[in-house]
PDB file of N, CA and C in Angstrom:
ATOM      1  N   LYS A   1      20.334   6.398  -4.577  1.00  0.00           N
ATOM      2  CA  LYS A   1      19.361   5.397  -4.408  1.00  0.00           C
ATOM      3  C   LYS A   1      20.224   4.324  -4.047  1.00  0.00           C
ATOM      4  N   ARG A   2      19.812   3.602  -3.158  1.00  0.00           N
ATOM      5  CA  ARG A   2      20.039   2.072  -2.273  1.00  0.00           C
ATOM      6  C   ARG A   2      19.963   0.986  -3.315  1.00  0.00           C
ATOM      7  N   CYS A   3      21.275   0.421  -3.159  1.00  0.00           N
ATOM      8  CA  CYS A   3      21.270  -0.884  -3.866  1.00  0.00           C
ATOM      9  C   CYS A   3      21.137  -1.815  -2.973  1.00  0.00           C
ATOM     10  N   TRP A   4      20.257  -2.612  -3.328  1.00  0.00           N
ATOM     11  CA  TRP A   4      19.884  -3.677  -2.255  1.00  0.00           C
ATOM     12  C   TRP A   4      20.242  -4.881  -2.272  1.00  0.00           C
ATOM     13  N   GLY A   5      20.832  -5.363  -3.766  1.00  0.00           N
ATOM     14  CA  GLY A   5      21.641  -6.902  -3.551  1.00  0.00           C
ATOM     15  C   GLY A   5      23.197  -5.911  -2.413  1.00  0.00           C
ATOM     16  N   ARG A   6      23.539  -4.574  -2.382  1.00  0.00           N
ATOM     17  CA  ARG A   6      24.667  -4.670  -1.365  1.00  0.00           C
ATOM     18  C   ARG A   6      24.090  -4.334  -0.001  1.00  0.00           C
ATOM     19  N   TYR A   7      22.918  -3.787   0.243  1.00  0.00           N
ATOM     20  CA  TYR A   7      22.595  -3.936   1.271  1.00  0.00           C
ATOM     21  C   TYR A   7      22.128  -5.303   1.678  1.00  0.00           C
ATOM     22  N   PHE A   8      21.708  -6.297   1.093  1.00  0.00           N
ATOM     23  CA  PHE A   8      21.655  -7.603   1.524  1.00  0.00           C
ATOM     24  C   PHE A   8      22.986  -8.568   2.194  1.00  0.00           C
ATOM     25  N   THR A   9      24.154  -8.458   0.747  1.00  0.00           N
ATOM     26  CA  THR A   9      24.998  -8.908   1.270  1.00  0.00           C
ATOM     27  C   THR A   9      25.969  -8.233   1.935  1.00  0.00           C
ATOM     28  N   LYS A  10      26.194  -7.560   2.481  1.00  0.00           N
ATOM     29  CA  LYS A  10      27.129  -6.646   3.071  1.00  0.00           C
ATOM     30  C   LYS A  10      26.958  -5.816   4.060  1.00  0.00           C
ATOM     31  N   GLU A  11      26.036  -5.384   4.768  1.00  0.00           N
ATOM     32  CA  GLU A  11      25.369  -4.995   5.391  1.00  0.00           C
ATOM     33  C   GLU A  11      24.809  -5.692   6.639  1.00  0.00           C
ATOM     34  N   LEU A  12      23.976  -6.810   5.981  1.00  0.00           N
ATOM     35  CA  LEU A  12      23.118  -7.798   7.536  1.00  0.00           C
ATOM     36  C   LEU A  12      24.749  -8.925   7.935  1.00  0.00           C
ATOM     37  N   PRO A  13      24.878  -9.383   8.861  1.00  0.00           N
ATOM     38  CA  PRO A  13      25.582  -9.298   9.286  1.00  0.00           C
ATOM     39  C   PRO A  13      25.437 -10.909   9.883  1.00  0.00           C
ATOM     40  N   LEU A  14      26.416 -11.422   9.785  1.00  0.00           N
ATOM     41  CA  LEU A  14      25.724 -13.049   9.611  1.00  0.00           C
ATOM     42  C   LEU A  14      25.032 -13.272  10.707  1.00  0.00           C
ATOM     43  N   ARG A  15      23.673 -13.845  10.212  1.00  0.00           N
ATOM     44  CA  ARG A  15      23.064 -14.601  11.490  1.00  0.00           C
ATOM     45  C   ARG A  15      23.619 -15.314  13.158  1.00  0.00           C
ATOM     46  N   ASN A  16      24.537 -15.525  12.404  1.00  0.00           N
ATOM     47  CA  ASN A  16      25.323 -17.178  13.436  1.00  0.00           C
ATOM     48  C   ASN A  16      26.107 -16.617  14.575  1.00  0.00           C
ATOM     49  N   HIS A  17      26.031 -15.582  13.998  1.00  0.00           N
ATOM     50  CA  HIS A  17      27.215 -14.175  14.700  1.00  0.00           C
ATOM     51  C   HIS A  17      26.576 -13.417  15.993  1.00  0.00           C
ATOM     52  N   ARG A  18      25.613 -13.338  16.127  1.00  0.00           N
ATOM     53  CA  ARG A  18      24.575 -12.388  16.861  1.00  0.00           C
ATOM     54  C   ARG A  18      23.786 -13.220  17.507  1.00  0.00           C
ATOM     55  N   LYS A  19      23.193 -12.038  19.174  1.00  0.00           N
ATOM     56  CA  LYS A  19      22.746 -12.762  19.994  1.00  0.00           C
ATOM     57  C   LYS A  19      21.233 -12.550  19.096  1.00  0.00           C
ATOM     58  N   SER A  20      20.029 -13.298  19.872  1.00  0.00           N
ATOM     59  CA  SER A  20      18.889 -12.924  19.225  1.00  0.00           C
ATOM     60  C   SER A  20      18.385 -11.809  19.818  1.00  0.00           C
ATOM     61  N   THR A  21      18.513 -11.509  20.412  1.00  0.00           N
ATOM     62  CA  THR A  21      18.002 -10.164  20.923  1.00  0.00           C
ATOM     63  C   THR A  21      18.608  -9.023  20.294  1.00  0.00           C
ATOM     64  N   ASP A  22      19.878  -8.706  19.962  1.00  0.00           N
ATOM     65  CA  ASP A  22      20.623  -8.415  19.198  1.00  0.00           C
ATOM     66  C   ASP A  22      19.945  -8.144  17.619  1.00  0.00           C
ATOM     67  N   LEU A  23      20.130  -9.704  17.452  1.00  0.00           N
ATOM     68  CA  LEU A  23      18.657  -9.973  15.896  1.00  0.00           C
ATOM     69  C   LEU A  23      17.883  -8.808  16.657  1.00  0.00           C
ATOM     70  N   ASN A  24      16.665  -9.371  17.535  1.00  0.00           N
ATOM     71  CA  ASN A  24      15.246  -8.902  16.905  1.00  0.00           C
ATOM     72  C   ASN A  24      15.637  -6.847  16.771  1.00  0.00           C
ATOM     73  N   ASP A  25      16.193  -6.513  17.825  1.00  0.00           N
ATOM     74  CA  ASP A  25      16.724  -4.947  17.773  1.00  0.00           C
ATOM     75  C   ASP A  25      17.048  -4.685  16.341  1.00  0.00           C
ATOM     76  N   THR A  26      18.093  -5.408  15.717  1.00  0.00           N
ATOM     77  CA  THR A  26      18.575  -4.750  14.512  1.00  0.00           C
ATOM     78  C   THR A  26      17.128  -5.275  13.772  1.00  0.00           C
ATOM     79  N   VAL A  27      16.754  -6.387  13.300  1.00  0.00           N
ATOM     80  CA  VAL A  27      15.611  -6.489  12.460  1.00  0.00           C
ATOM     81  C   VAL A  27      14.683  -5.178  12.338  1.00  0.00           C
ATOM     82  N   ILE A  28      14.436  -4.467  14.220  1.00  0.00           N
ATOM     83  CA  ILE A  28      12.968  -4.326  14.041  1.00  0.00           C
ATOM     84  C   ILE A  28      13.434  -2.393  13.533  1.00  0.00           C
ATOM     85  N   LEU A  29      14.953  -1.998  13.655  1.00  0.00           N
ATOM     86  CA  LEU A  29      15.701  -0.590  13.106  1.00  0.00           C
ATOM     87  C   LEU A  29      15.799  -0.413  12.104  1.00  0.00           C
ATOM     88  N   GLN A  30      16.113  -1.978  11.528  1.00  0.00           N
ATOM     89  CA  GLN A  30      16.191  -2.247   9.681  1.00  0.00           C
ATOM     90  C   GLN A  30      15.109  -2.138   8.990  1.00  0.00           C
ATOM     91  N   GLN A  31      14.043  -2.439   9.273  1.00  0.00           N
ATOM     92  CA  GLN A  31      12.782  -1.881   9.077  1.00  0.00           C
ATOM     93  C   GLN A  31      11.979  -0.757   9.147  1.00  0.00           C
ATOM     94  N   LEU A  32      12.389  -0.308  10.381  1.00  0.00           N
ATOM     95  CA  LEU A  32      11.725   0.802  10.085  1.00  0.00           C
ATOM     96  C   LEU A  32      12.874   1.895   9.354  1.00  0.00           C
ATOM     97  N   GLU A  33      13.794   1.736   9.095  1.00  0.00           N
ATOM     98  CA  GLU A  33      15.049   2.791   8.212  1.00  0.00           C
ATOM     99  C   GLU A  33      14.379   2.301   7.112  1.00  0.00           C
ATOM    100  N   ILE A  34      14.313   0.824   6.306  1.00  0.00           N
ATOM    101  CA  ILE A  34      13.860   0.832   5.335  1.00  0.00           C
ATOM    102  C   ILE A  34      12.804   1.288   5.038  1.00  0.00           C
ATOM    103  N   GLN A  35      11.450   1.662   5.871  1.00  0.00           N
ATOM    104  CA  GLN A  35      10.241   2.201   5.728  1.00  0.00           C
ATOM    105  C   GLN A  35      10.643   3.480   5.351  1.00  0.00           C
ATOM    106  N   GLN A  36      11.184   3.867   6.572  1.00  0.00           N
ATOM    107  CA  GLN A  36      11.538   5.693   6.406  1.00  0.00           C
ATOM    108  C   GLN A  36      12.218   5.863   4.609  1.00  0.00           C
ATOM    109  N   GLU A  37      13.227   5.083   4.691  1.00  0.00           N
ATOM    110  CA  GLU A  37      13.773   5.575   3.135  1.00  0.00           C
ATOM    111  C   GLU A  37      12.837   5.210   2.441  1.00  0.00           C
ATOM    112  N   THR A  38      12.177   4.512   1.504  1.00  0.00           N
ATOM    113  CA  THR A  38      10.924   3.892   1.358  1.00  0.00           C
ATOM    114  C   THR A  38       9.970   5.005   0.711  1.00  0.00           C
ATOM    115  N   ASP A  39       9.251   5.322   2.268  1.00  0.00           N
ATOM    116  CA  ASP A  39       8.931   6.407   2.254  1.00  0.00           C
ATOM    117  C   ASP A  39       9.538   8.064   1.763  1.00  0.00           C
ATOM    118  N   ASP A  40      10.175   8.316   2.070  1.00  0.00           N
ATOM    119  CA  ASP A  40      11.366   9.225   1.994  1.00  0.00           C
ATOM    120  C   ASP A  40      11.284   9.068   0.106  1.00  0.00           C
ATOM    121  N   ASP A  41      11.933   8.176  -0.711  1.00  0.00           N
ATOM    122  CA  ASP A  41      12.373   7.821  -1.791  1.00  0.00           C
ATOM    123  C   ASP A  41      10.881   7.718  -2.462  1.00  0.00           C
ATOM    124  N   LEU A  42       9.635   7.396  -1.941  1.00  0.00           N
ATOM    125  CA  LEU A  42       8.224   7.639  -3.322  1.00  0.00           C
ATOM    126  C   LEU A  42       7.822   9.169  -2.906  1.00  0.00           C
ATOM    127  N   GLU A  43       8.236   9.610  -1.740  1.00  0.00           N
ATOM    128  CA  GLU A  43       7.342  10.849  -1.731  1.00  0.00           C
ATOM    129  C   GLU A  43       8.024  12.298  -2.377  1.00  0.00           C
ATOM    130  N   THR A  44       9.314  11.887  -2.924  1.00  0.00           N
ATOM    131  CA  THR A  44      10.464  12.501  -3.762  1.00  0.00           C
ATOM    132  C   THR A  44      10.211  12.162  -5.262  1.00  0.00           C
ATOM    133  N   SER A  45      10.225  10.628  -5.710  1.00  0.00           N
ATOM    134  CA  SER A  45      10.571  10.346  -6.517  1.00  0.00           C
ATOM    135  C   SER A  45       8.833  10.315  -8.275  1.00  0.00           C
ATOM    136  N   LEU A  46       7.652  10.254  -6.907  1.00  0.00           N
ATOM    137  CA  LEU A  46       6.635  10.270  -7.754  1.00  0.00           C
ATOM    138  C   LEU A  46       6.029  11.683  -7.926  1.00  0.00           C
ATOM    139  N   GLU A  47       5.575  11.259  -8.998  1.00  0.00           N
ATOM    140  CA  GLU A  47       4.893  12.470  -9.766  1.00  0.00           C
ATOM    141  C   GLU A  47       3.588  12.624 -10.225  1.00  0.00           C
ATOM    142  N   GLY A  48       2.987  12.012  -9.112  1.00  0.00           N
ATOM    143  CA  GLY A  48       0.855  12.257  -8.712  1.00  0.00           C
ATOM    144  C   GLY A  48       0.984  10.669  -9.399  1.00  0.00           C
ATOM    145  N   SER A  49       1.593   9.239  -9.542  1.00  0.00           N
ATOM    146  CA  SER A  49       1.239   8.377 -10.385  1.00  0.00           C
ATOM    147  C   SER A  49       0.656   7.558  -9.311  1.00  0.00           C
ATOM    148  N   GLN A  50      -0.487   7.426  -8.866  1.00  0.00           N
ATOM    149  CA  GLN A  50      -0.586   6.024  -7.964  1.00  0.00           C
ATOM    150  C   GLN A  50      -0.350   4.633  -8.452  1.00  0.00           C
ATOM    151  N   ASP A  51      -0.468   4.399  -9.493  1.00  0.00           N
ATOM    152  CA  ASP A  51       0.392   3.336  -9.836  1.00  0.00           C
ATOM    153  C   ASP A  51       1.655   3.155  -9.649  1.00  0.00           C
ATOM    154  N   ASP A  52       2.418   4.041  -9.920  1.00  0.00           N
ATOM    155  CA  ASP A  52       3.874   4.054  -9.547  1.00  0.00           C
ATOM    156  C   ASP A  52       3.920   3.881  -7.889  1.00  0.00           C
ATOM    157  N   TYR A  53       3.167   4.703  -7.340  1.00  0.00           N
ATOM    158  CA  TYR A  53       3.470   3.848  -6.128  1.00  0.00           C
ATOM    159  C   TYR A  53       3.215   3.210  -5.208  1.00  0.00           C
ATOM    160  N   GLU A  54       1.685   2.328  -5.676  1.00  0.00           N
ATOM    161  CA  GLU A  54       1.591   1.058  -5.238  1.00  0.00           C
ATOM    162  C   GLU A  54       3.023   0.353  -5.594  1.00  0.00           C
ATOM    163  N   GLY A  55       2.809   0.383  -6.801  1.00  0.00           N
ATOM    164  CA  GLY A  55       4.440  -0.789  -7.551  1.00  0.00           C
ATOM    165  C   GLY A  55       5.508  -0.869  -6.193  1.00  0.00           C
ATOM    166  N   ASN A  56       5.655   0.515  -5.966  1.00  0.00           N
ATOM    167  CA  ASN A  56       7.375   1.017  -5.295  1.00  0.00           C
ATOM    168  C   ASN A  56       6.273   0.389  -4.332  1.00  0.00           C
ATOM    169  N   THR A  57       5.734   0.504  -3.269  1.00  0.00           N
ATOM    170  CA  THR A  57       5.191  -0.296  -2.319  1.00  0.00           C
ATOM    171  C   THR A  57       5.174  -1.625  -2.250  1.00  0.00           C
ATOM    172  N   ASP A  58       4.517  -1.974  -3.459  1.00  0.00           N
ATOM    173  CA  ASP A  58       4.342  -3.679  -3.278  1.00  0.00           C
ATOM    174  C   ASP A  58       6.416  -4.529  -3.748  1.00  0.00           C
ATOM    175  N   ALA A  59       6.191  -3.733  -4.018  1.00  0.00           N
ATOM    176  CA  ALA A  59       8.292  -3.820  -3.921  1.00  0.00           C
ATOM    177  C   ALA A  59       9.217  -3.589  -2.401  1.00  0.00           C
ATOM    178  N   ALA A  60       8.587  -2.748  -2.053  1.00  0.00           N
ATOM    179  CA  ALA A  60       9.358  -2.432  -0.775  1.00  0.00           C
ATOM    180  C   ALA A  60       8.790  -3.297   0.219  1.00  0.00           C
ATOM    181  N   ARG A  61       7.605  -3.744   0.119  1.00  0.00           N
ATOM    182  CA  ARG A  61       6.928  -5.099   1.148  1.00  0.00           C
ATOM    183  C   ARG A  61       7.692  -6.523   0.913  1.00  0.00           C
ATOM    184  N   ALA A  62       7.839  -6.743  -0.898  1.00  0.00           N
ATOM    185  CA  ALA A  62       8.286  -7.858  -1.414  1.00  0.00           C
ATOM    186  C   ALA A  62       9.699  -8.099  -0.975  1.00  0.00           C
ATOM    187  N   LEU A  63      10.520  -6.744  -0.899  1.00  0.00           N
ATOM    188  CA  LEU A  63      11.790  -7.122  -0.676  1.00  0.00           C
ATOM    189  C   LEU A  63      11.642  -7.155   1.366  1.00  0.00           C
ATOM    190  N   MET A  64      11.011  -6.529   1.867  1.00  0.00           N
ATOM    191  CA  MET A  64      11.012  -6.834   3.469  1.00  0.00           C
ATOM    192  C   MET A  64      10.832  -8.378   3.914  1.00  0.00           C
ATOM    193  N   ARG A  65       9.700  -8.872   3.008  1.00  0.00           N
ATOM    194  CA  ARG A  65       9.395 -10.050   3.221  1.00  0.00           C
ATOM    195  C   ARG A  65      10.966 -10.990   2.982  1.00  0.00           C
ATOM    196  N   VAL A  66      11.639 -11.061   2.097  1.00  0.00           N
ATOM    197  CA  VAL A  66      12.424 -11.708   1.171  1.00  0.00           C
ATOM    198  C   VAL A  66      13.686 -11.578   2.908  1.00  0.00           C
ATOM    199  N   LYS A  67      14.097 -10.594   3.126  1.00  0.00           N
ATOM    200  CA  LYS A  67      15.018  -9.930   4.336  1.00  0.00           C
ATOM    201  C   LYS A  67      14.575 -10.768   5.538  1.00  0.00           C
ATOM    202  N   GLN A  68      13.466 -10.726   5.940  1.00  0.00           N
ATOM    203  CA  GLN A  68      12.792 -11.407   7.059  1.00  0.00           C
ATOM    204  C   GLN A  68      12.885 -12.792   6.620  1.00  0.00           C
ATOM    205  N   LYS A  69      12.690 -13.146   5.826  1.00  0.00           N
ATOM    206  CA  LYS A  69      13.317 -14.700   5.325  1.00  0.00           C
ATOM    207  C   LYS A  69      14.458 -14.813   5.262  1.00  0.00           C
ATOM    208  N   LEU A  70      14.864 -14.420   4.797  1.00  0.00           N
ATOM    209  CA  LEU A  70      17.078 -14.036   4.977  1.00  0.00           C
ATOM    210  C   LEU A  70      17.200 -14.234   6.552  1.00  0.00           C
ATOM    211  N   ASP A  71      16.379 -13.522   7.499  1.00  0.00           N
ATOM    212  CA  ASP A  71      17.476 -13.946   9.016  1.00  0.00           C
ATOM    213  C   ASP A  71      16.118 -14.858   9.479  1.00  0.00           C
ATOM    214  N   GLY A  72      15.764 -15.903   8.766  1.00  0.00           N
ATOM    215  CA  GLY A  72      14.723 -16.603   9.734  1.00  0.00           C
ATOM    216  C   GLY A  72      13.697 -16.183  10.529  1.00  0.00           C
ATOM    217  N   TYR A  73      13.388 -15.566  10.065  1.00  0.00           N
ATOM    218  CA  TYR A  73      11.669 -15.181  10.685  1.00  0.00           C
ATOM    219  C   TYR A  73      10.222 -15.430   9.647  1.00  0.00           C
ATOM    220  N   GLU A  74       9.996 -16.051  10.465  1.00  0.00           N
ATOM    221  CA  GLU A  74       8.684 -16.638   9.359  1.00  0.00           C
ATOM    222  C   GLU A  74       7.095 -16.132  10.425  1.00  0.00           C
ATOM    223  N   GLU A  75       6.520 -15.680  10.191  1.00  0.00           N
ATOM    224  CA  GLU A  75       4.598 -15.728  10.219  1.00  0.00           C
ATOM    225  C   GLU A  75       5.461 -14.091  11.976  1.00  0.00           C
ATOM    226  N   GLY A  76       6.269 -13.333  11.507  1.00  0.00           N
ATOM    227  CA  GLY A  76       6.715 -12.817  12.878  1.00  0.00           C
ATOM    228  C   GLY A  76       7.387 -13.767  14.253  1.00  0.00           C
ATOM    229  N   GLU A  77       7.958 -15.000  13.758  1.00  0.00           N
ATOM    230  CA  GLU A  77       8.533 -15.692  14.753  1.00  0.00           C
ATOM    231  C   GLU A  77       9.724 -15.756  14.461  1.00  0.00           C
ATOM    232  N   MET A  78      10.873 -16.120  15.123  1.00  0.00           N
ATOM    233  CA  MET A  78      12.635 -16.398  14.760  1.00  0.00           C
ATOM    234  C   MET A  78      12.287 -17.779  14.519  1.00  0.00           C
ATOM    235  N   ARG A  79      12.656 -18.686  13.613  1.00  0.00           N
ATOM    236  CA  ARG A  79      13.142 -19.822  13.750  1.00  0.00           C
ATOM    237  C   ARG A  79      14.250 -20.706  13.285  1.00  0.00           C
ATOM    238  N   SER A  80      14.765 -21.645  14.341  1.00  0.00           N
ATOM    239  CA  SER A  80      16.061 -22.042  14.221  1.00  0.00           C
ATOM    240  C   SER A  80      16.252 -22.800  12.637  1.00  0.00           C
ATOM    241  N   ILE A  81      17.218 -22.994  12.124  1.00  0.00           N
ATOM    242  CA  ILE A  81      17.751 -23.660  11.311  1.00  0.00           C
ATOM    243  C   ILE A  81      17.071 -24.902  10.733  1.00  0.00           C
ATOM    244  N   HIS A  82      16.391 -25.780  11.610  1.00  0.00           N
ATOM    245  CA  HIS A  82      15.886 -27.188  11.906  1.00  0.00           C
ATOM    246  C   HIS A  82      14.112 -26.793  11.383  1.00  0.00           C
ATOM    247  N   GLY A  83      14.078 -25.669  12.209  1.00  0.00           N
ATOM    248  CA  GLY A  83      12.524 -25.179  12.016  1.00  0.00           C
ATOM    249  C   GLY A  83      12.377 -24.804  10.471  1.00  0.00           C
ATOM    250  N   GLN A  84      13.239 -23.988  10.221  1.00  0.00           N
ATOM    251  CA  GLN A  84      13.323 -23.153   8.748  1.00  0.00           C
ATOM    252  C   GLN A  84      12.849 -24.272   7.962  1.00  0.00           C
ATOM    253  N   VAL A  85      13.931 -25.637   7.498  1.00  0.00           N
ATOM    254  CA  VAL A  85      14.294 -26.505   6.868  1.00  0.00           C
ATOM    255  C   VAL A  85      12.445 -27.258   6.622  1.00  0.00           C
ATOM    256  N   GLN A  86      11.627 -27.986   7.750  1.00  0.00           N
ATOM    257  CA  GLN A  86      10.732 -28.244   8.346  1.00  0.00           C
ATOM    258  C   GLN A  86       9.888 -27.273   7.627  1.00  0.00           C
ATOM    259  N   GLN A  87       9.647 -26.065   7.809  1.00  0.00           N
ATOM    260  CA  GLN A  87       8.774 -24.874   7.222  1.00  0.00           C
ATOM    261  C   GLN A  87       8.607 -24.990   5.765  1.00  0.00           C
ATOM    262  N   LEU A  88       9.898 -25.285   5.373  1.00  0.00           N
ATOM    263  CA  LEU A  88      10.397 -25.360   3.693  1.00  0.00           C
ATOM    264  C   LEU A  88       9.545 -26.919   3.018  1.00  0.00           C
ATOM    265  N   ILE A  89      10.043 -27.702   3.948  1.00  0.00           N
ATOM    266  CA  ILE A  89       9.525 -29.080   3.481  1.00  0.00           C
ATOM    267  C   ILE A  89       7.845 -29.094   3.499  1.00  0.00           C
ATOM    268  N   GLN A  90       7.205 -28.326   4.164  1.00  0.00           N
ATOM    269  CA  GLN A  90       6.041 -28.644   4.533  1.00  0.00           C
ATOM    270  C   GLN A  90       5.131 -27.946   3.536  1.00  0.00           C
ATOM    271  N   ASP A  91       6.133 -26.458   3.312  1.00  0.00           N
ATOM    272  CA  ASP A  91       5.439 -25.864   2.123  1.00  0.00           C
ATOM    273  C   ASP A  91       5.458 -26.253   1.029  1.00  0.00           C
ATOM    274  N   ALA A  92       6.219 -26.968   1.067  1.00  0.00           N
ATOM    275  CA  ALA A  92       7.014 -27.758  -0.752  1.00  0.00           C
ATOM    276  C   ALA A  92       5.582 -28.792  -1.161  1.00  0.00           C
ATOM    277  N   ILE A  93       5.501 -29.570   0.159  1.00  0.00           N
ATOM    278  CA  ILE A  93       4.372 -31.130  -0.429  1.00  0.00           C
ATOM    279  C   ILE A  93       3.250 -30.376   0.193  1.00  0.00           C
ATOM    280  N   ASP A  94       2.844 -28.895   0.124  1.00  0.00           N
ATOM    281  CA  ASP A  94       1.128 -28.650   0.788  1.00  0.00           C
ATOM    282  C   ASP A  94       0.512 -28.950  -0.826  1.00  0.00           C
ATOM    283  N   PRO A  95      -0.548 -29.479  -0.863  1.00  0.00           N
ATOM    284  CA  PRO A  95      -0.991 -29.453  -1.833  1.00  0.00           C
ATOM    285  C   PRO A  95      -1.904 -28.317  -2.642  1.00  0.00           C
ATOM    286  N   GLU A  96      -1.884 -27.266  -1.392  1.00  0.00           N
ATOM    287  CA  GLU A  96      -2.597 -25.933  -1.645  1.00  0.00           C
ATOM    288  C   GLU A  96      -1.867 -25.073  -2.144  1.00  0.00           C
ATOM    289  N   ARG A  97      -0.610 -25.404  -2.325  1.00  0.00           N
ATOM    290  CA  ARG A  97       0.676 -24.284  -2.909  1.00  0.00           C
ATOM    291  C   ARG A  97       0.722 -25.071  -3.850  1.00  0.00           C
ATOM    292  N   LEU A  98       0.621 -26.370  -4.183  1.00  0.00           N
ATOM    293  CA  LEU A  98       0.775 -26.608  -5.294  1.00  0.00           C
ATOM    294  C   LEU A  98      -0.081 -26.630  -6.627  1.00  0.00           C
ATOM    295  N   CYS A  99      -1.240 -26.710  -5.884  1.00  0.00           N
ATOM    296  CA  CYS A  99      -2.412 -26.117  -7.062  1.00  0.00           C
ATOM    297  C   CYS A  99      -2.076 -25.031  -7.168  1.00  0.00           C
ATOM    298  N   GLN A 100      -1.619 -23.977  -6.529  1.00  0.00           N
ATOM    299  CA  GLN A 100      -1.807 -22.759  -6.874  1.00  0.00           C
ATOM    300  C   GLN A 100       0.061 -22.447  -7.698  1.00  0.00           C
ATOM    301  N   MET A 101       0.520 -22.985  -7.302  1.00  0.00           N
ATOM    302  CA  MET A 101       1.872 -22.822  -8.564  1.00  0.00           C
ATOM    303  C   MET A 101       1.812 -23.942  -9.416  1.00  0.00           C
ATOM    304  N   PHE A 102       0.955 -24.618  -9.843  1.00  0.00           N
ATOM    305  CA  PHE A 102       0.887 -25.483 -11.159  1.00  0.00           C
ATOM    306  C   PHE A 102      -0.240 -25.874 -11.820  1.00  0.00           C
ATOM    307  N   PRO A 103      -1.016 -25.334 -12.762  1.00  0.00           N
ATOM    308  CA  PRO A 103      -2.786 -25.645 -12.353  1.00  0.00           C
ATOM    309  C   PRO A 103      -2.667 -27.106 -12.771  1.00  0.00           C
ATOM    310  N   GLY A 104      -1.957 -27.459 -13.731  1.00  0.00           N
ATOM    311  CA  GLY A 104      -1.708 -29.318 -13.601  1.00  0.00           C
ATOM    312  C   GLY A 104      -2.017 -30.149 -12.432  1.00  0.00           C
ATOM    313  N   TRP A 105      -1.434 -29.532 -10.796  1.00  0.00           N
ATOM    314  CA  TRP A 105      -1.961 -30.234 -10.066  1.00  0.00           C
ATOM    315  C   TRP A 105      -2.650 -30.888  -9.909  1.00  0.00           C
ATOM    316  N   GLY A 106      -3.840 -29.753  -9.844  1.00  0.00           N
ATOM    317  CA  GLY A 106      -5.848 -30.216  -9.650  1.00  0.00           C
ATOM    318  C   GLY A 106      -6.278 -31.040 -10.089  1.00  0.00           C
ATOM    319  N   ALA A 107      -6.042 -31.897 -11.462  1.00  0.00           N
ATOM    320  CA  ALA A 107      -6.510 -32.560 -11.807  1.00  0.00           C
ATOM    321  C   ALA A 107      -5.759 -34.420 -11.324  1.00  0.00           C
ATOM    322  N   TRP A 108      -4.998 -34.472 -10.588  1.00  0.00           N
ATOM    323  CA  TRP A 108      -4.414 -35.166  -9.279  1.00  0.00           C
ATOM    324  C   TRP A 108      -4.851 -35.597  -8.414  1.00  0.00           C
ATOM    325  N   LEU A 109      -5.382 -34.145  -7.703  1.00  0.00           N
ATOM    326  CA  LEU A 109      -5.690 -34.516  -6.526  1.00  0.00           C
ATOM    327  C   LEU A 109      -6.716 -34.812  -6.177  1.00  0.00           C
TER     328      LEU A 109
END
């Protein structure tokens, strides 16, 4: 089995040391590799349980999303560090997200 922590900390080169074209190619290849490994693991480890399959697929999707965020991708496009910070600030002050995160916000809006 693949250790995801090791994958994120050791196998991903630092973003600042890659060209953006190399990054795009690397991300696409890594996504394909992860998807293939996930599919292979799911096929061999599942014993007819649809709930397990859906859970593993959701977990793989969540890990892929975390990887994209770590690489600076948001909604399919590469963001600069400044762009990432701006997006985080906008997400943090968005009333729609606040009310989803904590029900108590709804009473004050």
